[in-house]
């Protein structure tokens, strides 16, 4: 085999493998980004959370569960209890911070909520 043949065969194999991997990708989760004022947190561990992406946008209701996790800082931070998360969102220093609500596309259940503190 010549060098050109080997390179062509390797490129063809890579294209086939990459194409198959891309065909199997499935989006399992989505997210809404909003300000703290655009999100209504649930009263307890169950219930619903409402989020608006903009002032004129309709609110979207998503279910929360006992498995929903709350983070202050980044998703790499340790999760906090809902009560501690509420306290952080009430802090005036975070009034303009971004809040991201991640949810499962199949169940519309919130998986995690992240309050950015940067």
C-alpha atoms as a PDB file:
ATOM      1  CA  UNK A   1       0.000   0.000   0.000  1.00  0.00           C
ATOM      2  CA  UNK A   2       1.188   3.478  -0.754  1.00  0.00           C
ATOM      3  CA  UNK A   3       1.162   6.317   1.730  1.00  0.00           C
ATOM      4  CA  UNK A   4      -1.710   7.985  -0.133  1.00  0.00           C
ATOM      5  CA  UNK A   5      -3.816   4.828   0.069  1.00  0.00           C
ATOM      6  CA  UNK A   6      -3.222   4.493   3.801  1.00  0.00           C
ATOM      7  CA  UNK A   7      -4.134   8.134   4.421  1.00  0.00           C
ATOM      8  CA  UNK A   8      -7.271   7.794   2.276  1.00  0.00           C
ATOM      9  CA  UNK A   9      -8.349   4.617   4.071  1.00  0.00           C
ATOM     10  CA  UNK A  10      -7.782   6.224   7.483  1.00  0.00           C
ATOM     11  CA  UNK A  11      -9.756   9.328   6.479  1.00  0.00           C
ATOM     12  CA  UNK A  12     -12.610   7.184   5.140  1.00  0.00           C
ATOM     13  CA  UNK A  13     -12.709   5.106   8.333  1.00  0.00           C
ATOM     14  CA  UNK A  14     -12.692   8.260  10.483  1.00  0.00           C
ATOM     15  CA  UNK A  15     -15.555   9.751   8.464  1.00  0.00           C
ATOM     16  CA  UNK A  16     -17.632   6.595   8.874  1.00  0.00           C
ATOM     17  CA  UNK A  17     -17.013   6.365  12.632  1.00  0.00           C
ATOM     18  CA  UNK A  18     -17.715  10.072  13.156  1.00  0.00           C
ATOM     19  CA  UNK A  19     -20.920   9.885  11.123  1.00  0.00           C
ATOM     20  CA  UNK A  20     -22.208   6.957  13.160  1.00  0.00           C
ATOM     21  CA  UNK A  21     -21.410   8.672  16.460  1.00  0.00           C
ATOM     22  CA  UNK A  22     -23.214  11.848  15.404  1.00  0.00           C
ATOM     23  CA  UNK A  23     -26.289   9.887  14.335  1.00  0.00           C
ATOM     24  CA  UNK A  24     -26.668   8.468  17.847  1.00  0.00           C
ATOM     25  CA  UNK A  25     -26.608  11.779  19.717  1.00  0.00           C
ATOM     26  CA  UNK A  26     -29.768  12.614  21.602  1.00  0.00           C
ATOM     27  CA  UNK A  27     -30.520  15.756  23.545  1.00  0.00           C
ATOM     28  CA  UNK A  28     -31.796  14.673  26.977  1.00  0.00           C
ATOM     29  CA  UNK A  29     -31.819  18.019  28.714  1.00  0.00           C
ATOM     30  CA  UNK A  30     -32.504  21.662  27.976  1.00  0.00           C
ATOM     31  CA  UNK A  31     -32.150  24.874  29.977  1.00  0.00           C
ATOM     32  CA  UNK A  32     -33.726  28.267  30.488  1.00  0.00           C
ATOM     33  CA  UNK A  33     -31.604  31.276  31.420  1.00  0.00           C
ATOM     34  CA  UNK A  34     -33.205  34.131  33.300  1.00  0.00           C
ATOM     35  CA  UNK A  35     -32.663  36.646  36.037  1.00  0.00           C
ATOM     36  CA  UNK A  36     -33.737  35.923  39.599  1.00  0.00           C
ATOM     37  CA  UNK A  37     -36.857  38.033  39.048  1.00  0.00           C
ATOM     38  CA  UNK A  38     -37.835  35.818  36.129  1.00  0.00           C
ATOM     39  CA  UNK A  39     -38.014  32.667  38.234  1.00  0.00           C
ATOM     40  CA  UNK A  40     -40.583  31.655  40.810  1.00  0.00           C
ATOM     41  CA  UNK A  41     -39.079  28.969  43.048  1.00  0.00           C
ATOM     42  CA  UNK A  42     -41.181  26.112  44.407  1.00  0.00           C
ATOM     43  CA  UNK A  43     -42.555  26.275  47.931  1.00  0.00           C
ATOM     44  CA  UNK A  44     -41.087  22.896  48.794  1.00  0.00           C
ATOM     45  CA  UNK A  45     -39.253  19.886  47.431  1.00  0.00           C
ATOM     46  CA  UNK A  46     -42.184  18.984  45.165  1.00  0.00           C
ATOM     47  CA  UNK A  47     -44.361  21.252  43.104  1.00  0.00           C
ATOM     48  CA  UNK A  48     -43.552  23.562  40.228  1.00  0.00           C
ATOM     49  CA  UNK A  49     -41.045  26.205  39.296  1.00  0.00           C
ATOM     50  CA  UNK A  50     -41.963  28.961  36.859  1.00  0.00           C
ATOM     51  CA  UNK A  51     -39.417  30.631  34.610  1.00  0.00           C
ATOM     52  CA  UNK A  52     -39.618  33.498  32.112  1.00  0.00           C
ATOM     53  CA  UNK A  53     -36.788  34.066  29.665  1.00  0.00           C
ATOM     54  CA  UNK A  54     -37.710  37.722  29.208  1.00  0.00           C
ATOM     55  CA  UNK A  55     -40.064  40.328  30.673  1.00  0.00           C
ATOM     56  CA  UNK A  56     -42.585  39.872  27.859  1.00  0.00           C
ATOM     57  CA  UNK A  57     -42.232  36.083  27.639  1.00  0.00           C
ATOM     58  CA  UNK A  58     -44.937  33.797  28.982  1.00  0.00           C
ATOM     59  CA  UNK A  59     -43.908  31.905  32.104  1.00  0.00           C
ATOM     60  CA  UNK A  60     -43.166  28.221  31.656  1.00  0.00           C
ATOM     61  CA  UNK A  61     -44.062  25.806  34.464  1.00  0.00           C
ATOM     62  CA  UNK A  62     -41.707  22.915  35.173  1.00  0.00           C
ATOM     63  CA  UNK A  63     -42.015  20.228  37.816  1.00  0.00           C
ATOM     64  CA  UNK A  64     -39.468  19.929  40.599  1.00  0.00           C
ATOM     65  CA  UNK A  65     -38.774  16.749  42.529  1.00  0.00           C
ATOM     66  CA  UNK A  66     -36.850  15.650  45.586  1.00  0.00           C
ATOM     67  CA  UNK A  67     -33.990  14.875  43.178  1.00  0.00           C
ATOM     68  CA  UNK A  68     -33.784  18.481  41.898  1.00  0.00           C
ATOM     69  CA  UNK A  69     -30.434  19.984  42.914  1.00  0.00           C
ATOM     70  CA  UNK A  70     -29.695  23.638  43.658  1.00  0.00           C
ATOM     71  CA  UNK A  71     -26.282  25.262  43.201  1.00  0.00           C
ATOM     72  CA  UNK A  72     -24.929  28.673  44.176  1.00  0.00           C
ATOM     73  CA  UNK A  73     -21.858  29.584  42.138  1.00  0.00           C
ATOM     74  CA  UNK A  74     -21.313  26.898  39.490  1.00  0.00           C
ATOM     75  CA  UNK A  75     -22.525  23.341  38.884  1.00  0.00           C
ATOM     76  CA  UNK A  76     -19.119  22.278  40.217  1.00  0.00           C
ATOM     77  CA  UNK A  77     -20.033  23.795  43.602  1.00  0.00           C
ATOM     78  CA  UNK A  78     -21.613  21.445  46.133  1.00  0.00           C
ATOM     79  CA  UNK A  79     -25.425  21.420  45.991  1.00  0.00           C
ATOM     80  CA  UNK A  80     -27.314  23.368  48.644  1.00  0.00           C
ATOM     81  CA  UNK A  81     -30.745  22.896  50.223  1.00  0.00           C
ATOM     82  CA  UNK A  82     -33.704  24.745  48.707  1.00  0.00           C
ATOM     83  CA  UNK A  83     -33.915  26.985  51.803  1.00  0.00           C
ATOM     84  CA  UNK A  84     -30.260  28.010  51.408  1.00  0.00           C
ATOM     85  CA  UNK A  85     -30.805  28.581  47.688  1.00  0.00           C
ATOM     86  CA  UNK A  86     -33.800  30.831  48.440  1.00  0.00           C
ATOM     87  CA  UNK A  87     -31.636  32.813  50.866  1.00  0.00           C
ATOM     88  CA  UNK A  88     -28.944  33.273  48.196  1.00  0.00           C
ATOM     89  CA  UNK A  89     -31.482  34.484  45.620  1.00  0.00           C
ATOM     90  CA  UNK A  90     -32.873  36.999  48.129  1.00  0.00           C
ATOM     91  CA  UNK A  91     -29.403  38.486  48.698  1.00  0.00           C
ATOM     92  CA  UNK A  92     -29.317  41.950  47.011  1.00  0.00           C
ATOM     93  CA  UNK A  93     -25.753  41.280  45.822  1.00  0.00           C
ATOM     94  CA  UNK A  94     -27.166  38.616  43.455  1.00  0.00           C
ATOM     95  CA  UNK A  95     -30.146  40.627  42.158  1.00  0.00           C
ATOM     96  CA  UNK A  96     -28.723  40.898  38.627  1.00  0.00           C
ATOM     97  CA  UNK A  97     -27.124  37.462  38.484  1.00  0.00           C
ATOM     98  CA  UNK A  98     -28.024  34.836  35.927  1.00  0.00           C
ATOM     99  CA  UNK A  99     -30.121  31.885  37.026  1.00  0.00           C
ATOM    100  CA  UNK A 100     -30.112  28.752  34.850  1.00  0.00           C
ATOM    101  CA  UNK A 101     -32.844  26.122  35.106  1.00  0.00           C
ATOM    102  CA  UNK A 102     -31.954  22.737  33.591  1.00  0.00           C
ATOM    103  CA  UNK A 103     -34.770  20.278  32.905  1.00  0.00           C
ATOM    104  CA  UNK A 104     -35.345  16.813  31.477  1.00  0.00           C
ATOM    105  CA  UNK A 105     -36.938  17.038  28.020  1.00  0.00           C
ATOM    106  CA  UNK A 106     -39.048  13.881  28.389  1.00  0.00           C
ATOM    107  CA  UNK A 107     -40.553  14.637  31.795  1.00  0.00           C
ATOM    108  CA  UNK A 108     -40.276  18.452  32.043  1.00  0.00           C
ATOM    109  CA  UNK A 109     -38.791  17.897  35.491  1.00  0.00           C
ATOM    110  CA  UNK A 110     -36.127  20.308  36.734  1.00  0.00           C
ATOM    111  CA  UNK A 111     -32.835  18.495  37.263  1.00  0.00           C
ATOM    112  CA  UNK A 112     -30.852  21.423  38.656  1.00  0.00           C
ATOM    113  CA  UNK A 113     -30.961  25.171  39.174  1.00  0.00           C
ATOM    114  CA  UNK A 114     -27.762  27.215  39.161  1.00  0.00           C
ATOM    115  CA  UNK A 115     -27.397  30.757  40.528  1.00  0.00           C
ATOM    116  CA  UNK A 116     -24.290  32.293  38.990  1.00  0.00           C
ATOM    117  CA  UNK A 117     -22.359  34.414  41.484  1.00  0.00           C
ATOM    118  CA  UNK A 118     -19.679  35.770  39.129  1.00  0.00           C
END
